[in-house]
Protein backbone atom coordinates (compact mmCIF):
# COMPACT_ATOMS: atom_id res chain seq x y z
CA ASP A 1 82.38 93.59 87.37
CA GLY A 2 83.40 92.75 91.08
CA SER A 3 87.15 94.79 89.95
CA GLY A 4 86.40 96.96 93.01
CA GLY A 5 87.24 100.09 90.68
CA ASP A 6 84.41 101.98 90.16
CA GLY A 7 86.06 104.79 89.39
CA ASP A 8 84.55 107.58 92.10
CA GLY A 9 88.01 108.69 93.29
CA ASP A 10 89.28 105.82 96.26
CA ASP A 11 92.31 105.76 94.63
CA ASP A 12 93.08 108.52 97.39
CA GLU A 13 91.99 106.64 100.58
CA TYR A 14 94.67 103.26 99.90
CA ASP A 15 95.24 101.61 102.75
CA GLY A 16 97.96 98.97 101.93
CA GLY A 17 101.12 100.88 102.44
CA VAL A 18 102.63 103.00 99.94
CA HIS A 19 100.09 103.15 96.93
CA PRO A 20 100.47 100.72 94.14
CA LEU A 21 101.18 103.58 91.60
CA ALA A 22 102.74 105.24 93.96
CA GLN A 23 105.42 102.35 93.46
CA LEU A 24 105.27 102.22 89.20
CA CYS A 25 106.16 106.03 89.19
CA SER A 26 108.38 104.96 91.42
CA LEU A 27 109.99 102.59 89.69
CA ARG A 28 109.34 103.93 86.19
CA ALA A 29 111.57 106.93 87.55
CA ARG A 30 114.79 104.31 88.57
CA VAL A 31 114.42 103.10 85.28
CA TYR A 32 114.98 106.19 83.71
CA GLU A 33 117.82 107.31 86.36
CA GLU A 34 119.69 103.83 85.18
CA LEU A 35 118.67 105.32 81.76
CA ASP A 36 121.24 108.94 82.56
CA ASN A 37 117.62 110.06 81.19
CA ARG A 38 117.78 112.63 84.91
CA ALA A 39 114.69 114.92 84.11
CA ALA A 40 112.34 111.91 82.93
CA ALA A 41 113.67 109.88 86.32
CA ALA A 42 112.72 113.42 88.53
CA THR A 43 109.43 114.21 86.72
CA TRP A 44 108.16 110.42 88.19
CA ALA A 45 109.38 110.69 91.12
CA GLY A 46 107.77 113.36 91.71
CA ARG A 47 104.20 111.99 90.13
CA ALA A 48 104.90 109.03 93.01
CA LEU A 49 105.46 111.07 95.95
CA GLU A 50 102.20 113.40 94.91
CA VAL A 51 100.30 110.38 94.48
CA ASP A 52 101.48 108.66 97.87
CA VAL A 53 103.68 111.42 99.93
CA TRP A 54 105.23 107.70 102.25
CA CYS A 55 106.74 107.17 98.98
CA THR A 56 110.29 107.44 100.57
CA GLU A 57 112.09 105.71 97.33
CA ALA A 58 111.22 108.66 96.13
CA MET A 59 112.38 111.03 97.80
CA GLU A 60 115.79 109.02 98.93
CA MET A 61 116.06 109.20 94.70
CA LEU A 62 115.51 112.87 93.83
CA LEU A 63 117.66 113.74 96.39
CA ASP A 64 120.76 111.40 96.91
CA ARG A 65 120.83 111.40 93.15
CA HIS A 66 120.26 115.54 93.57
CA LEU A 67 117.88 115.24 90.82
CA LEU A 68 116.15 118.77 91.66
CA THR A 69 117.69 121.89 92.12
CA VAL A 70 116.93 123.37 95.46
CA GLU A 71 114.64 125.69 94.84
CA GLU A 72 112.98 122.77 92.97
CA GLU A 73 113.17 120.68 95.57
CA ARG A 74 111.57 123.01 98.03
CA ASP A 75 108.46 123.43 95.76
CA LEU A 76 108.58 120.06 94.90
CA ILE A 77 107.85 119.79 99.19
CA THR A 78 105.43 122.39 99.83
CA SER A 79 103.41 121.34 97.06
CA LEU A 80 102.58 117.72 98.64
CA ASP A 81 99.94 116.95 100.62
CA PHE A 82 100.56 116.09 103.78
CA SER A 83 97.57 115.65 105.37
CA GLY A 84 97.10 112.26 105.67
CA CYS A 85 100.82 111.67 107.68
CA ASP A 86 99.43 114.16 111.12
CA ASP A 87 99.01 112.49 114.80
CA GLY A 88 95.44 114.31 115.10
CA ASP A 89 96.97 116.61 117.47
CA GLY A 90 97.13 118.59 114.87
CA SER A 91 100.94 118.86 115.30
CA PRO A 92 103.05 119.09 111.66
CA CYS A 93 103.61 115.91 110.17
CA TRP A 94 107.13 114.81 111.02
CA LEU A 95 107.70 113.40 107.23
CA ARG A 96 107.12 116.85 105.87
CA ASP A 97 109.61 117.57 108.48
CA LEU A 98 112.20 114.72 107.67
CA TYR A 99 112.06 115.92 104.38
CA ILE A 100 113.00 119.01 104.66
CA SER A 101 116.00 118.16 106.75
CA ARG A 102 117.41 116.08 104.16
C-alpha cells in the first residue's frame, strides 16, 4: 500500500528524534493541562514517556507542574524503558539519572 506501516511493531524503532506518537501524546497532555484537567494531563504525559523516554517535554510537564506525587514519579521512572539510551559501554542511561535527579 506504500504507507510503510506493515503492522509488525516497528514503531519501537523510530530513529528520527522523538517519536511522533509521543509528541502527540505530549500535546494532548498540554491541552488537558490548559483545561485544568490535571489527571488527564498526567495520564497523557505518562503515555508519551512510555512511547519514547526522550520526550523530555512530557517529563518536564509532569515535574514542573507537580502533576504526580513523589511516589507516582518514582513508579513512572522505574517503569520506563531506558534500554535504548545507553552508550553501549554498560553504563546506566544518563537520561534516567537526569529524570531521577529532578
